[in-house]
Amino acid sequence: MDRNDLQIELIENECLLADGFDSALIGITDGLNSVAVYDSNLCIQVLIKEGMTEIDAIEHFYYNVSGSYVGDKTPIFIKQLTTNI
């Protein structure tokens, strides 16, 4: 799936998106209630690039972004596996 296909699926499934985190959007869930999927670490990097310290970015992300619930279509935020053991 490329980014255009992803955008089409997000629109068709009426998924809510996290404002300002387009570069951290990595997919969409399968199933009855499809939602947008973001990489938590990439979201934090976006906040750092916007001028926050790492500590402030982490606190802001977990309290204001991933900690928000806006209904059944609320995006999910995952920590990706970086190595297979």
Protein backbone atom coordinates (compact mmCIF):
# COMPACT_ATOMS: atom_id res chain seq x y z
CA MET A 1 0.00 0.00 0.00
CA ASP A 2 1.38 3.41 -0.90
CA ARG A 3 0.53 6.74 0.75
CA ASN A 4 -2.23 7.53 -1.79
CA ASP A 5 -3.94 4.18 -1.19
CA LEU A 6 -3.66 4.77 2.55
CA GLN A 7 -5.28 8.21 2.26
CA ILE A 8 -8.15 6.75 0.24
CA GLU A 9 -8.76 4.03 2.84
CA LEU A 10 -8.62 6.54 5.70
CA ILE A 11 -11.22 8.71 3.97
CA GLU A 12 -13.46 5.78 3.02
CA ASN A 13 -13.39 4.55 6.63
CA GLU A 14 -13.97 8.05 8.06
CA CYS A 15 -10.85 7.76 10.22
CA LEU A 16 -9.86 10.60 12.49
CA LEU A 17 -6.31 11.89 12.03
CA ALA A 18 -3.85 13.44 14.47
CA ASP A 19 -3.19 17.01 13.33
CA GLY A 20 0.42 17.77 12.47
CA PHE A 21 1.63 14.18 12.49
CA ASP A 22 1.27 13.24 8.82
CA SER A 23 4.89 12.08 8.64
CA ALA A 24 4.27 9.66 11.54
CA LEU A 25 1.20 8.04 9.94
CA ILE A 26 2.12 4.44 9.14
CA GLY A 27 -1.12 2.65 8.34
CA ILE A 28 -4.71 1.71 9.07
CA THR A 29 -6.11 -1.15 11.12
CA ASP A 30 -8.09 -3.97 9.54
CA GLY A 31 -11.42 -5.10 10.92
CA LEU A 32 -14.85 -3.73 11.69
CA ASN A 33 -13.63 -0.40 13.09
CA SER A 34 -10.67 0.76 11.02
CA VAL A 35 -8.57 3.54 12.59
CA ALA A 36 -5.42 5.41 11.62
CA VAL A 37 -2.14 4.05 13.01
CA TYR A 38 0.79 6.28 14.01
CA ASP A 39 4.33 5.51 15.14
CA SER A 40 4.74 6.97 18.65
CA ASN A 41 8.47 7.57 18.25
CA LEU A 42 7.96 9.41 14.97
CA CYS A 43 5.29 11.59 16.60
CA ILE A 44 7.73 12.53 19.34
CA GLN A 45 10.36 13.36 16.70
CA VAL A 46 7.86 15.68 15.00
CA LEU A 47 7.38 17.56 18.28
CA ILE A 48 11.14 17.82 18.79
CA LYS A 49 11.56 19.21 15.25
CA GLU A 50 8.91 21.81 16.12
CA GLY A 51 11.17 23.04 18.94
CA MET A 52 10.25 21.04 22.04
CA THR A 53 12.90 19.44 24.20
CA GLU A 54 12.86 15.64 24.20
CA ILE A 55 11.38 15.53 27.71
CA ASP A 56 8.68 18.10 26.86
CA ALA A 57 7.87 16.28 23.60
CA ILE A 58 7.47 12.95 25.39
CA GLU A 59 5.27 14.44 28.11
CA HIS A 60 3.17 16.39 25.58
CA PHE A 61 2.74 13.36 23.34
CA TYR A 62 1.63 10.93 26.05
CA TYR A 63 -0.66 13.39 27.83
CA ASN A 64 -2.16 15.41 24.95
CA VAL A 65 -1.91 13.20 21.89
CA SER A 66 -1.94 9.47 22.64
CA GLY A 67 -3.84 10.10 25.86
CA SER A 68 -6.76 11.71 24.06
CA TYR A 69 -9.93 9.81 23.26
CA VAL A 70 -12.34 11.33 20.76
CA GLY A 71 -14.58 8.37 20.00
CA ASP A 72 -14.50 5.06 18.19
CA LYS A 73 -12.37 6.45 15.36
CA THR A 74 -9.59 7.74 17.65
CA PRO A 75 -6.21 6.92 16.07
CA ILE A 76 -3.91 4.42 17.75
CA PHE A 77 -0.23 4.99 18.46
CA ILE A 78 2.22 2.10 18.47
CA LYS A 79 5.82 1.47 19.36
CA GLN A 80 7.33 -0.48 16.49
CA LEU A 81 9.62 -3.42 16.98
CA THR A 82 13.09 -2.35 15.90
CA THR A 83 14.90 -5.68 16.16
CA ASN A 84 13.92 -9.32 16.07
CA ILE A 85 15.64 -11.47 18.63
